Protein backbone atom coordinates (compact mmCIF):
# COMPACT_ATOMS: atom_id res chain seq x y z
CA MET A 1 -32.44 -38.88 87.99
CA LYS A 2 -31.45 -40.09 91.46
CA SER A 3 -34.72 -38.81 92.87
CA PHE A 4 -36.63 -40.69 90.17
CA PHE A 5 -35.01 -44.01 91.01
CA ARG A 6 -35.54 -43.28 94.69
CA GLU A 7 -39.25 -42.88 94.07
CA VAL A 8 -39.29 -46.08 91.99
CA SER A 9 -37.71 -48.03 94.84
CA LYS A 10 -40.35 -46.72 97.24
CA CYS A 11 -43.25 -47.89 95.10
CA LYS A 12 -41.87 -50.97 93.35
CA ARG A 13 -44.86 -53.08 94.36
CA GLU A 14 -47.28 -50.65 92.70
CA ILE A 15 -45.08 -50.30 89.62
CA LEU A 16 -44.76 -54.05 89.20
CA ALA A 17 -48.54 -54.45 89.53
CA GLU A 18 -49.11 -51.83 86.83
CA ALA A 19 -46.61 -53.50 84.51
CA ILE A 20 -48.14 -56.96 85.03
CA GLY A 21 -51.68 -55.67 84.64
CA THR A 22 -50.98 -53.81 81.41
CA PHE A 23 -49.00 -56.77 80.09
CA THR A 24 -51.98 -59.04 80.74
CA ILE A 25 -54.47 -56.72 79.03
CA VAL A 26 -52.34 -56.38 75.90
CA PHE A 27 -51.34 -60.05 75.81
CA ALA A 28 -54.92 -61.30 76.17
CA GLY A 29 -56.72 -58.54 74.27
CA THR A 30 -54.47 -58.00 71.27
CA GLY A 31 -53.68 -61.71 71.35
CA ALA A 32 -57.38 -62.38 70.81
CA VAL A 33 -57.31 -60.02 67.83
CA MET A 34 -54.38 -61.93 66.34
CA VAL A 35 -55.87 -65.36 67.01
CA ASN A 36 -59.11 -64.18 65.42
CA ASP A 37 -57.11 -63.29 62.31
CA ILE A 38 -55.24 -66.62 62.32
CA SER A 39 -58.42 -68.63 62.83
CA GLN A 40 -60.30 -66.69 60.15
CA GLY A 41 -62.79 -65.18 62.56
CA ALA A 42 -63.32 -68.01 65.05
CA VAL A 43 -63.02 -65.66 68.02
CA THR A 44 -65.33 -63.05 66.43
CA HIS A 45 -65.39 -59.32 67.12
CA VAL A 46 -67.79 -59.80 70.03
CA GLY A 47 -65.43 -62.43 71.43
CA VAL A 48 -62.48 -60.05 71.25
CA SER A 49 -64.55 -57.37 73.00
CA PHE A 50 -65.47 -59.86 75.73
CA VAL A 51 -61.80 -60.74 76.26
CA PHE A 52 -60.83 -57.10 76.73
CA GLY A 53 -63.68 -56.43 79.16
CA ALA A 54 -63.25 -59.67 81.10
CA VAL A 55 -59.50 -59.32 81.58
CA VAL A 56 -59.89 -55.73 82.79
CA ALA A 57 -62.53 -56.81 85.33
CA ALA A 58 -60.40 -59.75 86.51
CA LEU A 59 -57.35 -57.54 86.99
CA ILE A 60 -59.25 -54.90 88.94
CA TYR A 61 -60.47 -57.53 91.38
CA SER A 62 -57.12 -59.31 91.62
CA ILE A 63 -54.54 -56.50 91.86
CA GLY A 64 -56.55 -53.30 92.13
CA HIS A 65 -55.75 -53.18 95.84
CA LEU A 66 -52.03 -53.07 95.04
CA SER A 67 -51.77 -50.18 92.60
CA GLY A 68 -55.27 -48.84 91.96
CA ALA A 69 -55.50 -50.82 88.70
CA HIS A 70 -54.82 -48.01 86.23
CA PHE A 71 -53.11 -50.01 83.44
CA ASN A 72 -53.58 -46.96 81.25
CA PRO A 73 -51.57 -43.69 80.99
CA ALA A 74 -54.76 -41.68 80.36
CA VAL A 75 -56.28 -43.05 83.59
CA THR A 76 -53.08 -42.37 85.52
CA LEU A 77 -53.01 -38.75 84.36
CA ALA A 78 -56.70 -38.35 85.26
CA PHE A 79 -56.09 -39.78 88.74
CA TRP A 80 -53.26 -37.28 89.18
CA THR A 81 -55.16 -34.18 87.99
CA SER A 82 -58.15 -35.14 90.14
CA GLY A 83 -55.96 -35.47 93.23
CA PHE A 84 -56.15 -39.25 93.69
CA LEU A 85 -52.53 -39.96 92.75
CA SER A 86 -49.30 -38.38 93.90
CA LYS A 87 -47.29 -36.58 91.23
CA ARG A 88 -44.25 -38.70 92.09
CA LEU A 89 -46.04 -41.84 90.89
CA VAL A 90 -47.21 -40.54 87.50
CA LEU A 91 -44.05 -41.15 85.46
CA PRO A 92 -43.17 -44.51 87.10
CA TYR A 93 -46.73 -45.75 86.54
CA ILE A 94 -46.77 -44.72 82.87
CA LEU A 95 -43.35 -46.18 82.16
CA ALA A 96 -44.37 -49.44 83.84
CA GLN A 97 -47.55 -49.59 81.77
CA LEU A 98 -45.65 -49.00 78.54
CA LEU A 99 -43.00 -51.57 79.42
CA GLY A 100 -45.57 -54.22 80.30
CA ALA A 101 -47.47 -53.58 77.07
CA ILE A 102 -44.31 -53.70 74.93
CA ILE A 103 -43.23 -57.02 76.44
CA ALA A 104 -46.68 -58.44 75.70
CA SER A 105 -46.62 -57.34 72.06
CA GLY A 106 -43.08 -58.61 71.69
CA LEU A 107 -44.01 -62.06 72.99
CA LEU A 108 -47.08 -62.18 70.77
CA SER A 109 -44.98 -61.28 67.73
CA ILE A 110 -42.50 -64.04 68.55
CA SER A 111 -45.14 -66.68 69.25
CA LEU A 112 -47.85 -65.87 66.70
CA GLY A 113 -46.03 -63.84 64.08
CA LYS A 114 -46.94 -60.39 62.81
CA VAL A 115 -50.53 -61.23 61.99
CA GLY A 116 -53.56 -59.01 62.40
CA ASN A 117 -51.26 -55.98 62.63
CA LEU A 118 -50.42 -57.28 66.14
CA GLY A 119 -53.79 -55.89 67.21
CA ALA A 120 -52.73 -52.32 66.40
CA THR A 121 -55.43 -49.65 66.49
CA LEU A 122 -55.99 -47.83 63.20
CA PRO A 123 -58.74 -45.43 62.11
CA LEU A 124 -61.18 -46.99 59.66
CA ASN A 125 -60.29 -45.89 56.13
CA GLY A 126 -57.71 -43.51 57.58
CA ASN A 127 -60.42 -41.22 58.97
CA TRP A 128 -58.42 -39.86 61.91
CA LEU A 129 -60.94 -37.15 62.80
CA GLN A 130 -63.73 -39.70 63.22
CA SER A 131 -61.49 -41.86 65.40
CA PHE A 132 -60.31 -38.84 67.39
CA VAL A 133 -63.88 -37.87 68.28
CA LEU A 134 -64.94 -41.42 69.10
CA GLU A 135 -61.84 -42.24 71.16
CA THR A 136 -62.34 -39.04 73.14
CA VAL A 137 -65.96 -39.92 73.90
CA LEU A 138 -65.18 -43.57 74.66
CA THR A 139 -62.45 -42.66 77.13
CA PHE A 140 -64.62 -40.00 78.73
CA ILE A 141 -67.30 -42.63 79.38
CA LEU A 142 -64.73 -45.11 80.71
CA MET A 143 -63.14 -42.58 83.07
CA PHE A 144 -66.55 -41.38 84.22
CA VAL A 145 -67.48 -44.96 85.13
CA ILE A 146 -64.15 -45.38 86.94
CA PHE A 147 -64.84 -42.31 89.05
CA GLY A 148 -68.42 -43.26 89.74
CA SER A 149 -67.93 -46.94 90.52
CA GLY A 150 -64.37 -47.16 91.77
CA LEU A 151 -63.53 -43.94 93.58
CA ASP A 152 -66.80 -42.48 94.87
CA ARG A 153 -67.50 -43.83 98.35
CA ARG A 154 -71.22 -43.37 97.69
CA ALA A 155 -71.11 -46.12 95.05
CA HIS A 156 -72.11 -49.71 95.77
CA ILE A 157 -69.10 -51.57 97.14
CA GLY A 158 -67.58 -54.41 95.14
CA PHE A 159 -69.05 -53.61 91.73
CA ALA A 160 -66.26 -51.44 90.29
CA GLY A 161 -64.53 -54.27 88.44
CA LEU A 162 -67.77 -55.44 86.89
CA ALA A 163 -68.86 -51.93 85.90
CA ILE A 164 -65.51 -50.98 84.40
CA GLY A 165 -65.02 -54.32 82.64
CA LEU A 166 -68.50 -54.15 81.13
CA THR A 167 -67.84 -50.61 79.95
CA VAL A 168 -64.64 -51.66 78.20
CA GLY A 169 -66.37 -54.66 76.60
CA VAL A 170 -69.43 -52.75 75.44
CA GLU A 171 -67.39 -49.87 74.02
CA ALA A 172 -65.08 -52.29 72.22
CA ALA A 173 -68.08 -54.10 70.76
CA CYS A 174 -69.71 -50.85 69.61
CA MET A 175 -66.78 -48.89 68.21
CA GLY A 176 -63.98 -51.40 67.80
CA PRO A 177 -64.51 -51.79 64.04
CA ILE A 178 -64.22 -48.01 63.59
CA THR A 179 -61.35 -46.98 65.88
CA GLY A 180 -60.05 -50.15 67.52
CA ALA A 181 -61.64 -48.85 70.73
CA SER A 182 -58.29 -48.34 72.41
CA MET A 183 -59.08 -45.85 75.20
CA ASN A 184 -55.53 -46.60 76.31
CA PRO A 185 -52.29 -45.15 74.91
CA ALA A 186 -50.20 -48.06 76.24
CA ARG A 187 -52.48 -50.62 74.57
CA SER A 188 -52.03 -48.80 71.23
CA PHE A 189 -48.35 -47.93 71.62
CA ALA A 190 -47.03 -51.46 72.11
CA PRO A 191 -48.29 -53.08 68.87
CA ALA A 192 -47.46 -49.88 66.98
CA LEU A 193 -43.87 -50.05 68.20
CA VAL A 194 -43.32 -53.78 67.76
CA GLY A 195 -45.11 -53.91 64.41
CA TRP A 196 -43.84 -50.46 63.35
CA ILE A 197 -47.35 -49.30 62.46
CA TRP A 198 -47.57 -45.57 63.15
CA GLN A 199 -50.41 -44.33 60.94
CA HIS A 200 -52.32 -41.65 62.89
CA HIS A 201 -50.85 -43.06 66.10
CA TRP A 202 -51.02 -39.66 67.81
CA VAL A 203 -54.81 -40.00 67.89
CA TYR A 204 -54.50 -42.85 70.39
CA TRP A 205 -52.54 -40.68 72.78
CA VAL A 206 -54.24 -37.31 72.50
CA ALA A 207 -57.88 -38.48 72.33
CA PRO A 208 -57.82 -40.83 75.36
CA ILE A 209 -55.96 -38.28 77.50
CA LEU A 210 -58.38 -35.54 76.45
CA GLY A 211 -61.44 -37.73 77.10
CA ALA A 212 -60.20 -38.72 80.55
CA GLN A 213 -59.49 -35.08 81.46
CA ILE A 214 -62.99 -34.08 80.39
CA ALA A 215 -64.30 -36.74 82.76
CA VAL A 216 -62.22 -35.17 85.54
CA VAL A 217 -63.87 -31.80 84.91
CA ILE A 218 -67.40 -33.22 84.77
CA TYR A 219 -67.06 -35.47 87.81
CA ARG A 220 -65.50 -32.62 89.76
CA LEU A 221 -68.69 -30.66 89.14
CA LEU A 222 -70.89 -33.59 90.16
CA SER A 223 -68.97 -34.30 93.35
CA ASN A 224 -68.51 -30.79 94.71
CA GLY A 225 -64.86 -30.58 93.74
CA PHE A 226 -64.34 -34.24 94.66
CA LYS A 227 -65.24 -33.39 98.26
CA ASP A 228 -68.16 -35.82 98.18
CA VAL A 229 -66.00 -38.62 96.82
């Protein structure tokens, strides 16, 4: 336990950036879902998708240089297994992401009420298998884009935030009505905890982590064991 807190003290800047970034994504993104419910569809599904994509892009450009802009436990685990993140940072990053997300959902619940299921992600008609497959594929695509645009030195410089944000927005627009298009366990965990909505919640942990790890395997093959990255 002492060693854990020692590691936290060494990387408090990175941890704080991850907490703030994840807080912002959940506050803006799930907040848009809730406001859309309150306003009887004024934001629209496409509008909600845009909010998620835009806030991710903005955060990558604004604090990506501080922590790497993970904001997502599945991304953090993929960075670790691919060798881009030290093992000592994995748990602090994930805990910071969860804490930031929970604070965001808590504030939204206080300020807007428990409307729109707090933006919780639920499989359409309870079809968990459909959502499991889609969330796996969506997160694979997202992580693949992260590797290709954000970590590979052969990529065009300065476009990572745009590429990743567009990917999040497009995937949310395409599959949001079916799965919620989470691709992020922290984003799903916070409204589930605050709203106590746990139906098929495991899908939104296992599928994103699996999808991101598949991306690790595929990009490792494409980059000569990450030696070309």
